């Protein structure tokens, strides 16, 4: 996904074939759907999306009263909800909210006072949700009730104030460890469940933006990177900025949750 392209990129792991499909709006995140399609969280709402980039019904409208806000990072839980945050895209004001899109198409507020929502991930046993407000340089963890989708007991998981970069997108591995891309830090770090860093993947670019497990065995870590706001000199020094990287970290990931709402029914009702 190219957030500001904007475009959907599809890479077939087996063949190496790559395709790119333009999108009409800045896109913050996508998730898989149980029926085989995707959801795309964009500026004016959350839309159904085909694997070929065709826009389908709008499932949820943009939240009113904040015209400068757009959707950003999101991830499905294993009960089929899409958890996604909003952010102010013009000023970094704390007007963002972390939302839960239920399978009935309703948005429920989970956490407010958000500047830039990122790093959403769920522990293998579904009892913990991770979340970072990038501009506050911190990753938090919540107790998560998979039956109701409610969060509670917010705790600081990692204070990144003194880190090389800011916490951006994350992925969870099968050992229950959190892999986080440190934007402007040029690296991806792995946290054990108690918040300690036990591995670091250094990159030849400064702005890793997210990571995800893929491959036939989910044993490859794909890392997206950004080029935005880099000067001409910085781009010359980082010719691979904006590229997709892949590493074999020695651990496996987990299958991603998929949205379980009926997008055709929900789109007709929206």
C-alpha atoms as a PDB file:
ATOM      1  CA  UNK A   1       0.000   0.000   0.000  1.00  0.00           C
ATOM      2  CA  UNK A   2       1.257   3.460  -0.950  1.00  0.00           C
ATOM      3  CA  UNK A   3      -0.552   5.739   1.472  1.00  0.00           C
ATOM      4  CA  UNK A   4      -0.029   9.002  -0.367  1.00  0.00           C
ATOM      5  CA  UNK A   5       0.352   7.624  -3.895  1.00  0.00           C
ATOM      6  CA  UNK A   6      -2.286   6.606  -3.299  1.00  0.00           C
ATOM      7  CA  UNK A   7      -2.220   3.027  -4.547  1.00  0.00           C
ATOM      8  CA  UNK A   8      -2.763  -0.594  -3.642  1.00  0.00           C
ATOM      9  CA  UNK A   9       0.204  -2.857  -4.377  1.00  0.00           C
ATOM     10  CA  UNK A  10      -0.209  -6.617  -4.747  1.00  0.00           C
ATOM     11  CA  UNK A  11       2.797  -8.954  -4.640  1.00  0.00           C
ATOM     12  CA  UNK A  12       2.380 -12.641  -5.426  1.00  0.00           C
ATOM     13  CA  UNK A  13       4.903 -14.437  -3.247  1.00  0.00           C
ATOM     14  CA  UNK A  14       5.118 -17.579  -5.357  1.00  0.00           C
ATOM     15  CA  UNK A  15       5.677 -15.917  -8.739  1.00  0.00           C
ATOM     16  CA  UNK A  16       7.155 -12.591  -7.682  1.00  0.00           C
ATOM     17  CA  UNK A  17       4.571 -10.818  -9.846  1.00  0.00           C
ATOM     18  CA  UNK A  18       3.774  -7.280  -8.733  1.00  0.00           C
ATOM     19  CA  UNK A  19       0.751  -5.168  -9.647  1.00  0.00           C
ATOM     20  CA  UNK A  20      -0.232  -1.634  -8.651  1.00  0.00           C
ATOM     21  CA  UNK A  21      -3.743  -0.156  -8.631  1.00  0.00           C
ATOM     22  CA  UNK A  22      -4.389   3.580  -8.097  1.00  0.00           C
ATOM     23  CA  UNK A  23      -6.821   4.656  -5.379  1.00  0.00           C
ATOM     24  CA  UNK A  24      -8.877   7.891  -5.316  1.00  0.00           C
ATOM     25  CA  UNK A  25      -7.877   9.073  -1.823  1.00  0.00           C
ATOM     26  CA  UNK A  26      -5.063   8.926   0.676  1.00  0.00           C
ATOM     27  CA  UNK A  27      -5.341   5.515   2.329  1.00  0.00           C
ATOM     28  CA  UNK A  28      -4.293   4.890   5.923  1.00  0.00           C
ATOM     29  CA  UNK A  29      -4.613   1.116   6.117  1.00  0.00           C
ATOM     30  CA  UNK A  30      -6.188  -1.949   4.583  1.00  0.00           C
ATOM     31  CA  UNK A  31      -7.357  -5.253   6.024  1.00  0.00           C
ATOM     32  CA  UNK A  32      -8.449  -8.581   4.649  1.00  0.00           C
ATOM     33  CA  UNK A  33     -12.099  -9.617   4.516  1.00  0.00           C
ATOM     34  CA  UNK A  34     -13.423 -13.082   5.196  1.00  0.00           C
ATOM     35  CA  UNK A  35     -15.167 -13.114   1.808  1.00  0.00           C
ATOM     36  CA  UNK A  36     -11.846 -12.670  -0.005  1.00  0.00           C
ATOM     37  CA  UNK A  37     -11.810  -8.904  -0.530  1.00  0.00           C
ATOM     38  CA  UNK A  38     -10.338  -6.024   1.440  1.00  0.00           C
ATOM     39  CA  UNK A  39     -11.345  -2.984   3.465  1.00  0.00           C
ATOM     40  CA  UNK A  40      -9.604   0.337   2.841  1.00  0.00           C
ATOM     41  CA  UNK A  41      -9.617   3.087   5.468  1.00  0.00           C
ATOM     42  CA  UNK A  42      -9.343   6.345   3.549  1.00  0.00           C
ATOM     43  CA  UNK A  43     -10.231  10.034   3.933  1.00  0.00           C
ATOM     44  CA  UNK A  44     -13.992   9.995   3.435  1.00  0.00           C
ATOM     45  CA  UNK A  45     -14.632   6.641   5.076  1.00  0.00           C
ATOM     46  CA  UNK A  46     -13.979   2.925   5.124  1.00  0.00           C
ATOM     47  CA  UNK A  47     -14.694   1.203   1.820  1.00  0.00           C
ATOM     48  CA  UNK A  48     -14.891  -2.306   0.465  1.00  0.00           C
ATOM     49  CA  UNK A  49     -12.057  -2.935  -1.971  1.00  0.00           C
ATOM     50  CA  UNK A  50     -11.382  -5.714  -4.439  1.00  0.00           C
ATOM     51  CA  UNK A  51      -7.931  -7.342  -4.721  1.00  0.00           C
ATOM     52  CA  UNK A  52      -7.697  -5.532  -8.093  1.00  0.00           C
ATOM     53  CA  UNK A  53      -8.248  -2.118  -6.495  1.00  0.00           C
ATOM     54  CA  UNK A  54     -11.898  -1.607  -7.454  1.00  0.00           C
ATOM     55  CA  UNK A  55     -13.762   0.511  -4.881  1.00  0.00           C
ATOM     56  CA  UNK A  56     -16.940  -1.072  -3.548  1.00  0.00           C
ATOM     57  CA  UNK A  57     -19.557   0.115  -1.063  1.00  0.00           C
ATOM     58  CA  UNK A  58     -18.710   2.562   1.709  1.00  0.00           C
ATOM     59  CA  UNK A  59     -19.084   0.688   4.986  1.00  0.00           C
ATOM     60  CA  UNK A  60     -18.568   3.606   7.359  1.00  0.00           C
ATOM     61  CA  UNK A  61     -18.442   7.352   6.776  1.00  0.00           C
ATOM     62  CA  UNK A  62     -15.702   9.645   7.981  1.00  0.00           C
ATOM     63  CA  UNK A  63     -16.325  10.876  11.496  1.00  0.00           C
ATOM     64  CA  UNK A  64     -18.075  14.301  11.444  1.00  0.00           C
ATOM     65  CA  UNK A  65     -16.889  17.516  13.163  1.00  0.00           C
ATOM     66  CA  UNK A  66     -13.239  16.947  12.271  1.00  0.00           C
ATOM     67  CA  UNK A  67     -12.894  17.719   8.532  1.00  0.00           C
ATOM     68  CA  UNK A  68      -9.087  17.609   8.675  1.00  0.00           C
ATOM     69  CA  UNK A  69      -9.038  14.083  10.092  1.00  0.00           C
ATOM     70  CA  UNK A  70      -8.502  10.915   8.099  1.00  0.00           C
ATOM     71  CA  UNK A  71      -8.188   7.235   8.910  1.00  0.00           C
ATOM     72  CA  UNK A  72      -4.698   5.867   9.523  1.00  0.00           C
ATOM     73  CA  UNK A  73      -3.347   2.577  10.887  1.00  0.00           C
ATOM     74  CA  UNK A  74      -5.752  -0.329  11.366  1.00  0.00           C
ATOM     75  CA  UNK A  75      -5.854  -4.086  11.958  1.00  0.00           C
ATOM     76  CA  UNK A  76      -8.542  -6.735  12.349  1.00  0.00           C
ATOM     77  CA  UNK A  77      -8.895  -8.685  15.549  1.00  0.00           C
ATOM     78  CA  UNK A  78      -9.589 -12.403  15.342  1.00  0.00           C
ATOM     79  CA  UNK A  79     -13.299 -11.903  16.004  1.00  0.00           C
ATOM     80  CA  UNK A  80     -13.630  -9.996  12.732  1.00  0.00           C
ATOM     81  CA  UNK A  81     -13.668  -6.373  13.949  1.00  0.00           C
ATOM     82  CA  UNK A  82     -11.564  -3.726  12.204  1.00  0.00           C
ATOM     83  CA  UNK A  83      -9.721  -1.575  14.756  1.00  0.00           C
ATOM     84  CA  UNK A  84      -8.584   1.663  13.100  1.00  0.00           C
ATOM     85  CA  UNK A  85      -7.465   5.108  14.220  1.00  0.00           C
ATOM     86  CA  UNK A  86      -8.047   8.602  12.882  1.00  0.00           C
ATOM     87  CA  UNK A  87      -5.609  11.516  12.870  1.00  0.00           C
ATOM     88  CA  UNK A  88      -5.471  15.186  11.942  1.00  0.00           C
ATOM     89  CA  UNK A  89      -3.680  15.217   8.595  1.00  0.00           C
ATOM     90  CA  UNK A  90      -3.035  18.972   8.484  1.00  0.00           C
ATOM     91  CA  UNK A  91      -1.976  19.832  12.024  1.00  0.00           C
ATOM     92  CA  UNK A  92      -0.697  17.346  14.542  1.00  0.00           C
ATOM     93  CA  UNK A  93      -3.500  18.166  16.969  1.00  0.00           C
ATOM     94  CA  UNK A  94      -4.777  15.423  19.320  1.00  0.00           C
ATOM     95  CA  UNK A  95      -8.196  15.171  17.651  1.00  0.00           C
ATOM     96  CA  UNK A  96      -7.764  11.550  16.589  1.00  0.00           C
ATOM     97  CA  UNK A  97      -9.710   8.602  17.947  1.00  0.00           C
ATOM     98  CA  UNK A  98      -9.140   4.862  17.972  1.00  0.00           C
ATOM     99  CA  UNK A  99     -12.279   3.190  16.580  1.00  0.00           C
ATOM    100  CA  UNK A 100     -13.677  -0.313  16.392  1.00  0.00           C
ATOM    101  CA  UNK A 101     -15.666  -1.119  13.254  1.00  0.00           C
ATOM    102  CA  UNK A 102     -17.982  -3.949  14.247  1.00  0.00           C
ATOM    103  CA  UNK A 103     -19.301  -6.601  11.912  1.00  0.00           C
ATOM    104  CA  UNK A 104     -22.586  -4.672  12.018  1.00  0.00           C
ATOM    105  CA  UNK A 105     -20.874  -1.648  10.438  1.00  0.00           C
ATOM    106  CA  UNK A 106     -21.013   0.508  13.558  1.00  0.00           C
ATOM    107  CA  UNK A 107     -18.021   2.572  14.689  1.00  0.00           C
ATOM    108  CA  UNK A 108     -17.390   2.551  18.436  1.00  0.00           C
ATOM    109  CA  UNK A 109     -14.844   4.897  20.035  1.00  0.00           C
ATOM    110  CA  UNK A 110     -12.178   3.101  22.071  1.00  0.00           C
ATOM    111  CA  UNK A 111      -9.555   5.758  22.891  1.00  0.00           C
ATOM    112  CA  UNK A 112      -9.417   9.518  22.335  1.00  0.00           C
ATOM    113  CA  UNK A 113      -6.828  12.305  22.459  1.00  0.00           C
ATOM    114  CA  UNK A 114      -4.794  10.628  19.695  1.00  0.00           C
ATOM    115  CA  UNK A 115      -2.265  12.440  17.500  1.00  0.00           C
ATOM    116  CA  UNK A 116      -1.015   9.720  15.091  1.00  0.00           C
ATOM    117  CA  UNK A 117      -2.382   6.186  15.663  1.00  0.00           C
ATOM    118  CA  UNK A 118      -0.089   3.282  14.820  1.00  0.00           C
ATOM    119  CA  UNK A 119       1.314  -0.078  15.929  1.00  0.00           C
ATOM    120  CA  UNK A 120      -1.995  -1.944  16.329  1.00  0.00           C
ATOM    121  CA  UNK A 121      -1.441  -5.626  17.086  1.00  0.00           C
ATOM    122  CA  UNK A 122      -2.959  -8.414  19.176  1.00  0.00           C
ATOM    123  CA  UNK A 123      -1.261 -11.043  21.317  1.00  0.00           C
ATOM    124  CA  UNK A 124      -1.602 -14.670  20.140  1.00  0.00           C
ATOM    125  CA  UNK A 125      -4.099 -15.430  22.932  1.00  0.00           C
ATOM    126  CA  UNK A 126      -6.222 -12.315  22.119  1.00  0.00           C
ATOM    127  CA  UNK A 127      -5.900 -10.889  25.633  1.00  0.00           C
ATOM    128  CA  UNK A 128      -3.624  -7.918  24.823  1.00  0.00           C
ATOM    129  CA  UNK A 129      -3.916  -5.104  22.282  1.00  0.00           C
ATOM    130  CA  UNK A 130      -0.878  -2.956  21.461  1.00  0.00           C
ATOM    131  CA  UNK A 131      -1.204   0.640  20.282  1.00  0.00           C
ATOM    132  CA  UNK A 132       1.207   3.533  19.709  1.00  0.00           C
ATOM    133  CA  UNK A 133       0.622   7.251  19.405  1.00  0.00           C
ATOM    134  CA  UNK A 134       3.634   7.951  17.210  1.00  0.00           C
ATOM    135  CA  UNK A 135       4.020  11.627  18.106  1.00  0.00           C
ATOM    136  CA  UNK A 136       3.969  10.813  21.812  1.00  0.00           C
ATOM    137  CA  UNK A 137       6.894   8.405  21.351  1.00  0.00           C
ATOM    138  CA  UNK A 138       5.226   5.605  23.296  1.00  0.00           C
ATOM    139  CA  UNK A 139       3.737   2.146  22.788  1.00  0.00           C
ATOM    140  CA  UNK A 140       0.935   1.130  25.143  1.00  0.00           C
ATOM    141  CA  UNK A 141      -0.744  -2.158  25.883  1.00  0.00           C
ATOM    142  CA  UNK A 142      -4.348  -2.734  26.896  1.00  0.00           C
ATOM    143  CA  UNK A 143      -6.171  -5.718  28.274  1.00  0.00           C
ATOM    144  CA  UNK A 144      -8.411  -6.857  25.421  1.00  0.00           C
ATOM    145  CA  UNK A 145     -11.744  -8.669  25.650  1.00  0.00           C
ATOM    146  CA  UNK A 146     -12.089 -10.565  22.385  1.00  0.00           C
ATOM    147  CA  UNK A 147     -15.752 -11.333  23.088  1.00  0.00           C
ATOM    148  CA  UNK A 148     -16.840  -7.699  23.445  1.00  0.00           C
ATOM    149  CA  UNK A 149     -13.983  -5.826  21.767  1.00  0.00           C
ATOM    150  CA  UNK A 150     -13.500  -3.649  24.839  1.00  0.00           C
ATOM    151  CA  UNK A 151     -10.137  -2.398  26.095  1.00  0.00           C
ATOM    152  CA  UNK A 152      -9.113  -1.690  29.689  1.00  0.00           C
ATOM    153  CA  UNK A 153      -6.103  -1.322  31.994  1.00  0.00           C
ATOM    154  CA  UNK A 154      -3.957   0.896  29.759  1.00  0.00           C
ATOM    155  CA  UNK A 155      -0.251   0.504  30.562  1.00  0.00           C
ATOM    156  CA  UNK A 156       2.952   1.939  29.143  1.00  0.00           C
ATOM    157  CA  UNK A 157       4.675  -0.846  27.218  1.00  0.00           C
ATOM    158  CA  UNK A 158       7.701   1.060  25.898  1.00  0.00           C
ATOM    159  CA  UNK A 159       8.806   4.671  26.314  1.00  0.00           C
ATOM    160  CA  UNK A 160      10.544   5.601  23.047  1.00  0.00           C
ATOM    161  CA  UNK A 161      11.393   9.202  23.955  1.00  0.00           C
ATOM    162  CA  UNK A 162      15.127   8.489  23.730  1.00  0.00           C
ATOM    163  CA  UNK A 163      14.891   6.018  20.832  1.00  0.00           C
ATOM    164  CA  UNK A 164      16.459   6.692  17.416  1.00  0.00           C
ATOM    165  CA  UNK A 165      13.021   6.978  15.838  1.00  0.00           C
ATOM    166  CA  UNK A 166       9.303   7.036  16.539  1.00  0.00           C
ATOM    167  CA  UNK A 167       7.081   3.934  16.828  1.00  0.00           C
ATOM    168  CA  UNK A 168       5.178   3.274  13.608  1.00  0.00           C
ATOM    169  CA  UNK A 169       3.517   0.099  12.303  1.00  0.00           C
ATOM    170  CA  UNK A 170       3.880  -3.291  13.999  1.00  0.00           C
ATOM    171  CA  UNK A 171       3.428  -7.021  13.539  1.00  0.00           C
ATOM    172  CA  UNK A 172       3.020  -9.851  16.047  1.00  0.00           C
ATOM    173  CA  UNK A 173       4.979 -13.109  15.814  1.00  0.00           C
ATOM    174  CA  UNK A 174       3.915 -16.573  16.950  1.00  0.00           C
ATOM    175  CA  UNK A 175       6.074 -16.273  20.086  1.00  0.00           C
ATOM    176  CA  UNK A 176       4.003 -13.319  21.277  1.00  0.00           C
ATOM    177  CA  UNK A 177       6.692 -10.737  20.483  1.00  0.00           C
ATOM    178  CA  UNK A 178       5.966  -7.375  18.875  1.00  0.00           C
ATOM    179  CA  UNK A 179       7.974  -6.212  15.846  1.00  0.00           C
ATOM    180  CA  UNK A 180       7.867  -2.421  15.474  1.00  0.00           C
ATOM    181  CA  UNK A 181       9.124  -0.153  12.683  1.00  0.00           C
ATOM    182  CA  UNK A 182      10.922   2.871  14.119  1.00  0.00           C
ATOM    183  CA  UNK A 183      10.165   5.707  11.712  1.00  0.00           C
ATOM    184  CA  UNK A 184      13.175   8.036  11.249  1.00  0.00           C
ATOM    185  CA  UNK A 185      15.228   5.489  13.193  1.00  0.00           C
ATOM    186  CA  UNK A 186      16.208   3.243  10.298  1.00  0.00           C
ATOM    187  CA  UNK A 187      15.396   0.012  12.061  1.00  0.00           C
ATOM    188  CA  UNK A 188      12.785  -2.538  13.116  1.00  0.00           C
ATOM    189  CA  UNK A 189      12.913  -3.787  16.710  1.00  0.00           C
ATOM    190  CA  UNK A 190      11.439  -6.852  18.383  1.00  0.00           C
ATOM    191  CA  UNK A 191       9.907  -6.573  21.854  1.00  0.00           C
ATOM    192  CA  UNK A 192       9.391  -9.486  24.196  1.00  0.00           C
ATOM    193  CA  UNK A 193       6.022  -9.506  26.019  1.00  0.00           C
ATOM    194  CA  UNK A 194       7.613  -7.725  28.994  1.00  0.00           C
ATOM    195  CA  UNK A 195       8.656  -4.784  26.817  1.00  0.00           C
ATOM    196  CA  UNK A 196      12.356  -5.579  26.388  1.00  0.00           C
ATOM    197  CA  UNK A 197      14.057  -5.293  22.982  1.00  0.00           C
ATOM    198  CA  UNK A 198      15.787  -8.555  22.097  1.00  0.00           C
ATOM    199  CA  UNK A 199      16.433  -8.091  18.354  1.00  0.00           C
ATOM    200  CA  UNK A 200      17.139  -5.187  16.003  1.00  0.00           C
ATOM    201  CA  UNK A 201      17.007  -5.204  12.196  1.00  0.00           C
ATOM    202  CA  UNK A 202      19.032  -2.294  10.817  1.00  0.00           C
ATOM    203  CA  UNK A 203      17.975  -0.931   7.427  1.00  0.00           C
ATOM    204  CA  UNK A 204      19.767   1.136   4.750  1.00  0.00           C
ATOM    205  CA  UNK A 205      16.942   3.699   4.862  1.00  0.00           C
ATOM    206  CA  UNK A 206      15.769   5.968   7.667  1.00  0.00           C
ATOM    207  CA  UNK A 207      11.982   5.714   7.455  1.00  0.00           C
ATOM    208  CA  UNK A 208      10.578   2.194   7.924  1.00  0.00           C
ATOM    209  CA  UNK A 209       6.822   2.575   8.231  1.00  0.00           C
ATOM    210  CA  UNK A 210       5.355  -0.860   8.934  1.00  0.00           C
ATOM    211  CA  UNK A 211       6.084  -4.580   8.890  1.00  0.00           C
ATOM    212  CA  UNK A 212       4.089  -7.743   8.256  1.00  0.00           C
ATOM    213  CA  UNK A 213       4.769 -11.463   8.120  1.00  0.00           C
ATOM    214  CA  UNK A 214       4.319 -13.237   4.811  1.00  0.00           C
ATOM    215  CA  UNK A 215       5.563 -16.081   2.656  1.00  0.00           C
ATOM    216  CA  UNK A 216       4.224 -19.597   2.407  1.00  0.00           C
ATOM    217  CA  UNK A 217       5.285 -20.376   5.978  1.00  0.00           C
ATOM    218  CA  UNK A 218       4.788 -16.860   7.403  1.00  0.00           C
ATOM    219  CA  UNK A 219       8.514 -16.842   8.112  1.00  0.00           C
ATOM    220  CA  UNK A 220       9.401 -13.718   6.142  1.00  0.00           C
ATOM    221  CA  UNK A 221       9.110 -10.205   7.538  1.00  0.00           C
ATOM    222  CA  UNK A 222       8.150  -7.621   4.924  1.00  0.00           C
ATOM    223  CA  UNK A 223       9.078  -4.039   5.788  1.00  0.00           C
ATOM    224  CA  UNK A 224       7.616  -0.988   4.038  1.00  0.00           C
ATOM    225  CA  UNK A 225       9.540   2.283   3.988  1.00  0.00           C
ATOM    226  CA  UNK A 226       8.788   5.920   3.143  1.00  0.00           C
ATOM    227  CA  UNK A 227      10.409   8.715   1.128  1.00  0.00           C
ATOM    228  CA  UNK A 228       8.270  11.631   2.266  1.00  0.00           C
ATOM    229  CA  UNK A 229       9.977  14.774   3.586  1.00  0.00           C
ATOM    230  CA  UNK A 230      13.459  13.517   2.691  1.00  0.00           C
ATOM    231  CA  UNK A 231      15.662  16.163   1.093  1.00  0.00           C
ATOM    232  CA  UNK A 232      17.418  15.658  -2.238  1.00  0.00           C
ATOM    233  CA  UNK A 233      20.669  15.012  -0.386  1.00  0.00           C
ATOM    234  CA  UNK A 234      18.985  12.477   1.913  1.00  0.00           C
ATOM    235  CA  UNK A 235      17.453  10.695  -1.070  1.00  0.00           C
ATOM    236  CA  UNK A 236      20.868  10.507  -2.726  1.00  0.00           C
ATOM    237  CA  UNK A 237      22.244   8.947   0.450  1.00  0.00           C
ATOM    238  CA  UNK A 238      19.264   6.573   0.676  1.00  0.00           C
ATOM    239  CA  UNK A 239      18.556   5.434  -2.902  1.00  0.00           C
ATOM    240  CA  UNK A 240      16.388   2.574  -1.610  1.00  0.00           C
ATOM    241  CA  UNK A 241      14.084   4.837   0.433  1.00  0.00           C
ATOM    242  CA  UNK A 242      10.475   3.936  -0.287  1.00  0.00           C
ATOM    243  CA  UNK A 243      11.349   0.334  -1.159  1.00  0.00           C
ATOM    244  CA  UNK A 244       9.886  -2.865   0.244  1.00  0.00           C
ATOM    245  CA  UNK A 245      12.392  -4.999   2.159  1.00  0.00           C
ATOM    246  CA  UNK A 246      12.136  -8.614   3.268  1.00  0.00           C
ATOM    247  CA  UNK A 247      14.145 -10.448   5.927  1.00  0.00           C
ATOM    248  CA  UNK A 248      14.009 -13.926   7.445  1.00  0.00           C
ATOM    249  CA  UNK A 249      13.918 -13.211  11.182  1.00  0.00           C
ATOM    250  CA  UNK A 250      14.026 -16.835  12.353  1.00  0.00           C
ATOM    251  CA  UNK A 251      10.483 -16.786  13.752  1.00  0.00           C
ATOM    252  CA  UNK A 252       7.043 -17.121  12.212  1.00  0.00           C
ATOM    253  CA  UNK A 253       4.151 -14.712  12.181  1.00  0.00           C
ATOM    254  CA  UNK A 254       0.447 -15.291  12.704  1.00  0.00           C
ATOM    255  CA  UNK A 255      -2.405 -15.305  10.176  1.00  0.00           C
ATOM    256  CA  UNK A 256      -4.067 -11.890   9.997  1.00  0.00           C
ATOM    257  CA  UNK A 257      -7.591 -11.412  11.285  1.00  0.00           C
ATOM    258  CA  UNK A 258     -10.244 -10.825   8.618  1.00  0.00           C
ATOM    259  CA  UNK A 259     -13.256  -8.529   8.683  1.00  0.00           C
ATOM    260  CA  UNK A 260     -16.445 -10.595   8.969  1.00  0.00           C
ATOM    261  CA  UNK A 261     -19.130  -8.049   8.136  1.00  0.00           C
ATOM    262  CA  UNK A 262     -21.237  -8.465   4.996  1.00  0.00           C
ATOM    263  CA  UNK A 263     -19.968  -5.492   3.005  1.00  0.00           C
ATOM    264  CA  UNK A 264     -22.772  -5.599   0.432  1.00  0.00           C
ATOM    265  CA  UNK A 265     -25.446  -5.515   3.107  1.00  0.00           C
ATOM    266  CA  UNK A 266     -23.625  -2.908   5.182  1.00  0.00           C
ATOM    267  CA  UNK A 267     -22.880  -0.762   2.132  1.00  0.00           C
ATOM    268  CA  UNK A 268     -26.533  -0.736   1.142  1.00  0.00           C
ATOM    269  CA  UNK A 269     -27.491   0.386   4.641  1.00  0.00           C
ATOM    270  CA  UNK A 270     -24.825   3.101   4.930  1.00  0.00           C
END
